[in-house]
């Protein structure tokens, strides 16, 4: 790695930053290391290292219904869920 570096600055919601840094910590990574990995993958892939897609109409409807808590069923245990699913 070159001894020369540059600084990258980004504005993020505090909650997003905090939750993401907890995941990085569990992976044994600093935020700087995670950003370096992301940039390296962009360079190697010649694009984003994951697909970016808009959800289809069915998925959009399902997401909206879930956010509105429509047609959701609650259970109190895993066993109750398995029983409800018949497994």
N, C-alpha and C. Protein backbone atom coordinates (compact mmCIF):
# COMPACT_ATOMS: atom_id res chain seq x y z
N UNK A 1 0.84 -1.16 0.00
CA UNK A 1 0.00 0.00 0.00
C UNK A 1 0.89 1.23 0.00
N UNK A 2 0.50 2.22 -0.73
CA UNK A 2 1.25 3.46 -0.80
C UNK A 2 1.21 4.19 0.53
N UNK A 3 2.27 4.94 0.82
CA UNK A 3 2.28 5.70 2.06
C UNK A 3 1.45 6.96 1.94
N UNK A 4 1.05 7.31 0.72
CA UNK A 4 0.21 8.48 0.53
C UNK A 4 -1.25 8.07 0.68
N UNK A 5 -2.01 8.89 1.35
CA UNK A 5 -3.43 8.60 1.53
C UNK A 5 -4.23 9.86 1.25
N UNK A 6 -5.52 9.69 1.13
CA UNK A 6 -6.44 10.80 0.97
C UNK A 6 -7.60 10.59 1.92
N UNK A 7 -8.33 11.62 2.18
CA UNK A 7 -9.45 11.54 3.12
C UNK A 7 -10.77 11.49 2.36
N UNK A 8 -11.66 10.63 2.83
CA UNK A 8 -13.02 10.54 2.30
C UNK A 8 -13.95 10.96 3.42
N UNK A 9 -14.85 11.88 3.13
CA UNK A 9 -15.81 12.33 4.13
C UNK A 9 -17.22 12.03 3.64
N UNK A 10 -18.07 11.61 4.55
CA UNK A 10 -19.46 11.30 4.19
C UNK A 10 -20.36 11.69 5.35
N UNK A 11 -21.53 12.16 5.02
CA UNK A 11 -22.53 12.46 6.04
C UNK A 11 -23.52 11.31 6.10
N UNK A 12 -23.71 10.77 7.31
CA UNK A 12 -24.61 9.64 7.52
C UNK A 12 -25.50 9.92 8.71
N UNK A 13 -26.65 9.25 8.74
CA UNK A 13 -27.49 9.32 9.92
C UNK A 13 -26.73 8.66 11.06
N UNK A 14 -26.74 9.26 12.25
CA UNK A 14 -26.00 8.69 13.38
C UNK A 14 -26.37 7.24 13.68
N UNK A 15 -27.65 6.90 13.58
CA UNK A 15 -28.10 5.54 13.88
C UNK A 15 -27.51 4.55 12.87
N UNK A 16 -27.49 4.91 11.60
CA UNK A 16 -26.93 4.05 10.57
C UNK A 16 -25.44 3.83 10.83
N UNK A 17 -24.73 4.89 11.15
CA UNK A 17 -23.29 4.79 11.43
C UNK A 17 -23.03 3.89 12.64
N UNK A 18 -23.79 4.09 13.69
CA UNK A 18 -23.58 3.32 14.92
C UNK A 18 -23.85 1.83 14.69
N UNK A 19 -24.97 1.51 14.05
CA UNK A 19 -25.31 0.11 13.82
C UNK A 19 -24.32 -0.57 12.88
N UNK A 20 -23.86 0.17 11.87
CA UNK A 20 -22.91 -0.38 10.92
C UNK A 20 -21.56 -0.62 11.59
N UNK A 21 -21.13 0.32 12.43
CA UNK A 21 -19.85 0.16 13.11
C UNK A 21 -19.87 -1.02 14.09
N UNK A 22 -21.03 -1.31 14.67
CA UNK A 22 -21.14 -2.50 15.52
C UNK A 22 -20.90 -3.78 14.71
N UNK A 23 -21.41 -3.81 13.50
CA UNK A 23 -21.20 -4.96 12.62
C UNK A 23 -19.73 -5.05 12.22
N UNK A 24 -19.13 -3.91 11.86
CA UNK A 24 -17.71 -3.91 11.51
C UNK A 24 -16.88 -4.45 12.68
N UNK A 25 -17.23 -4.03 13.89
CA UNK A 25 -16.50 -4.47 15.09
C UNK A 25 -16.59 -6.00 15.23
N UNK A 26 -17.78 -6.55 15.01
CA UNK A 26 -17.95 -8.00 15.10
C UNK A 26 -17.13 -8.72 14.04
N UNK A 27 -16.91 -8.05 12.91
CA UNK A 27 -16.11 -8.64 11.83
C UNK A 27 -14.62 -8.37 12.02
N UNK A 28 -14.28 -7.61 13.05
CA UNK A 28 -12.88 -7.29 13.30
C UNK A 28 -12.34 -6.23 12.37
N UNK A 29 -13.22 -5.37 11.88
CA UNK A 29 -12.83 -4.32 10.94
C UNK A 29 -13.07 -2.94 11.52
N UNK A 30 -12.20 -2.02 11.16
CA UNK A 30 -12.47 -0.61 11.46
C UNK A 30 -13.32 -0.06 10.31
N UNK A 31 -13.92 1.09 10.52
CA UNK A 31 -14.69 1.72 9.44
C UNK A 31 -13.78 2.00 8.25
N UNK A 32 -12.57 2.46 8.52
CA UNK A 32 -11.62 2.74 7.44
C UNK A 32 -11.32 1.47 6.64
N UNK A 33 -11.10 0.36 7.32
CA UNK A 33 -10.82 -0.90 6.62
C UNK A 33 -12.02 -1.34 5.79
N UNK A 34 -13.23 -1.18 6.32
CA UNK A 34 -14.42 -1.57 5.59
C UNK A 34 -14.59 -0.71 4.33
N UNK A 35 -14.33 0.58 4.45
CA UNK A 35 -14.42 1.47 3.29
C UNK A 35 -13.35 1.09 2.26
N UNK A 36 -12.15 0.78 2.73
CA UNK A 36 -11.07 0.38 1.82
C UNK A 36 -11.46 -0.89 1.07
N UNK A 37 -12.05 -1.86 1.77
CA UNK A 37 -12.50 -3.11 1.13
C UNK A 37 -13.56 -2.79 0.08
N UNK A 38 -14.53 -1.94 0.43
CA UNK A 38 -15.58 -1.57 -0.52
C UNK A 38 -14.98 -0.93 -1.77
N UNK A 39 -14.09 0.05 -1.59
CA UNK A 39 -13.46 0.73 -2.73
C UNK A 39 -12.67 -0.26 -3.59
N UNK A 40 -11.95 -1.18 -2.93
CA UNK A 40 -11.16 -2.16 -3.68
C UNK A 40 -12.07 -3.06 -4.51
N UNK A 41 -13.20 -3.46 -3.94
CA UNK A 41 -14.14 -4.30 -4.68
C UNK A 41 -14.76 -3.55 -5.85
N UNK A 42 -15.05 -2.26 -5.67
CA UNK A 42 -15.56 -1.45 -6.79
C UNK A 42 -14.52 -1.43 -7.90
N UNK A 43 -13.25 -1.24 -7.53
CA UNK A 43 -12.18 -1.22 -8.52
C UNK A 43 -12.08 -2.58 -9.23
N UNK A 44 -12.07 -3.67 -8.47
CA UNK A 44 -11.94 -5.00 -9.06
C UNK A 44 -13.13 -5.39 -9.93
N UNK A 45 -14.33 -5.03 -9.49
CA UNK A 45 -15.56 -5.39 -10.20
C UNK A 45 -15.88 -4.41 -11.34
N UNK A 46 -15.19 -3.28 -11.32
CA UNK A 46 -15.49 -2.20 -12.29
C UNK A 46 -16.94 -1.73 -12.15
N UNK A 47 -17.41 -1.68 -10.93
CA UNK A 47 -18.76 -1.26 -10.61
C UNK A 47 -19.06 -1.64 -9.18
N UNK A 48 -20.29 -1.44 -8.77
CA UNK A 48 -20.67 -1.80 -7.42
C UNK A 48 -20.57 -3.31 -7.23
N UNK A 49 -20.11 -3.77 -6.08
CA UNK A 49 -19.93 -5.21 -5.88
C UNK A 49 -21.22 -5.93 -5.47
N UNK A 50 -22.34 -5.36 -5.82
CA UNK A 50 -23.65 -5.97 -5.54
C UNK A 50 -24.63 -5.39 -6.54
N UNK A 51 -25.73 -6.11 -6.75
CA UNK A 51 -26.77 -5.65 -7.68
C UNK A 51 -27.58 -4.54 -7.05
N UNK A 52 -27.89 -3.55 -7.85
CA UNK A 52 -28.81 -2.49 -7.44
C UNK A 52 -30.04 -2.60 -8.31
N UNK A 53 -31.16 -2.92 -7.70
CA UNK A 53 -32.39 -3.12 -8.45
C UNK A 53 -33.54 -2.45 -7.71
N UNK A 54 -34.48 -1.99 -8.47
CA UNK A 54 -35.73 -1.53 -7.88
C UNK A 54 -36.62 -2.74 -7.66
N UNK A 55 -37.30 -2.81 -6.52
CA UNK A 55 -38.17 -3.96 -6.29
C UNK A 55 -39.32 -3.98 -7.28
N UNK A 56 -39.76 -5.20 -7.65
CA UNK A 56 -40.89 -5.30 -8.57
C UNK A 56 -42.18 -4.89 -7.86
N UNK A 57 -43.26 -4.84 -8.60
CA UNK A 57 -44.54 -4.35 -8.07
C UNK A 57 -45.02 -5.17 -6.88
N UNK A 58 -44.89 -6.49 -6.96
CA UNK A 58 -45.32 -7.36 -5.86
C UNK A 58 -44.51 -7.09 -4.60
N UNK A 59 -43.20 -6.95 -4.76
CA UNK A 59 -42.33 -6.69 -3.61
C UNK A 59 -42.64 -5.31 -3.02
N UNK A 60 -42.83 -4.32 -3.88
CA UNK A 60 -43.17 -2.97 -3.39
C UNK A 60 -44.46 -3.00 -2.58
N UNK A 61 -45.47 -3.73 -3.07
CA UNK A 61 -46.74 -3.83 -2.37
C UNK A 61 -46.56 -4.53 -1.03
N UNK A 62 -45.79 -5.61 -1.02
CA UNK A 62 -45.55 -6.36 0.21
C UNK A 62 -44.82 -5.51 1.24
N UNK A 63 -43.81 -4.76 0.80
CA UNK A 63 -43.07 -3.88 1.70
C UNK A 63 -44.00 -2.82 2.29
N UNK A 64 -44.82 -2.21 1.44
CA UNK A 64 -45.76 -1.18 1.91
C UNK A 64 -46.74 -1.76 2.92
N UNK A 65 -47.26 -2.95 2.65
CA UNK A 65 -48.20 -3.58 3.58
C UNK A 65 -47.52 -3.92 4.90
N UNK A 66 -46.29 -4.36 4.85
CA UNK A 66 -45.57 -4.68 6.08
C UNK A 66 -45.32 -3.41 6.89
N UNK A 67 -44.96 -2.33 6.22
CA UNK A 67 -44.73 -1.08 6.93
C UNK A 67 -46.01 -0.55 7.56
N UNK A 68 -47.14 -0.84 6.92
CA UNK A 68 -48.44 -0.43 7.45
C UNK A 68 -49.01 -1.49 8.40
N UNK A 69 -48.26 -2.59 8.59
CA UNK A 69 -48.65 -3.70 9.46
C UNK A 69 -49.94 -4.36 8.98
N UNK A 70 -50.18 -4.36 7.67
CA UNK A 70 -51.35 -5.03 7.10
C UNK A 70 -51.04 -6.50 6.86
N UNK A 71 -52.02 -7.33 7.09
CA UNK A 71 -51.95 -8.77 6.83
C UNK A 71 -50.74 -9.42 7.50
N UNK A 72 -50.36 -8.90 8.66
CA UNK A 72 -49.27 -9.52 9.42
C UNK A 72 -49.87 -10.37 10.52
N UNK A 73 -49.26 -11.48 10.75
CA UNK A 73 -49.70 -12.37 11.81
C UNK A 73 -48.59 -12.47 12.83
N UNK A 74 -48.93 -12.32 14.09
CA UNK A 74 -47.93 -12.41 15.15
C UNK A 74 -48.06 -13.74 15.87
N UNK A 75 -46.92 -14.25 16.30
CA UNK A 75 -46.88 -15.46 17.10
C UNK A 75 -46.00 -15.19 18.31
N UNK A 76 -46.17 -15.99 19.34
CA UNK A 76 -45.43 -15.79 20.58
C UNK A 76 -44.20 -16.69 20.72
N UNK A 77 -44.06 -17.65 19.80
CA UNK A 77 -42.91 -18.54 19.90
C UNK A 77 -42.62 -19.14 18.53
N UNK A 78 -41.42 -19.68 18.43
CA UNK A 78 -41.05 -20.37 17.20
C UNK A 78 -41.96 -21.58 16.97
N UNK A 79 -42.27 -22.29 18.05
CA UNK A 79 -43.14 -23.46 17.92
C UNK A 79 -44.51 -23.07 17.38
N UNK A 80 -45.05 -21.96 17.85
CA UNK A 80 -46.34 -21.49 17.36
C UNK A 80 -46.26 -21.16 15.87
N UNK A 81 -45.15 -20.59 15.44
CA UNK A 81 -44.95 -20.30 14.03
C UNK A 81 -44.90 -21.59 13.23
N UNK A 82 -44.11 -22.56 13.70
CA UNK A 82 -44.01 -23.84 12.99
C UNK A 82 -45.37 -24.52 12.92
N UNK A 83 -46.12 -24.49 14.01
CA UNK A 83 -47.45 -25.09 14.02
C UNK A 83 -48.35 -24.41 13.00
N UNK A 84 -48.29 -23.08 12.96
CA UNK A 84 -49.11 -22.32 12.02
C UNK A 84 -48.74 -22.64 10.56
N UNK A 85 -47.45 -22.87 10.34
CA UNK A 85 -46.99 -23.20 8.99
C UNK A 85 -47.15 -24.67 8.64
N UNK A 86 -47.48 -25.47 9.65
CA UNK A 86 -47.68 -26.89 9.42
C UNK A 86 -46.36 -27.65 9.27
N UNK A 87 -45.32 -27.15 9.93
CA UNK A 87 -44.02 -27.85 9.84
C UNK A 87 -43.53 -28.23 11.24
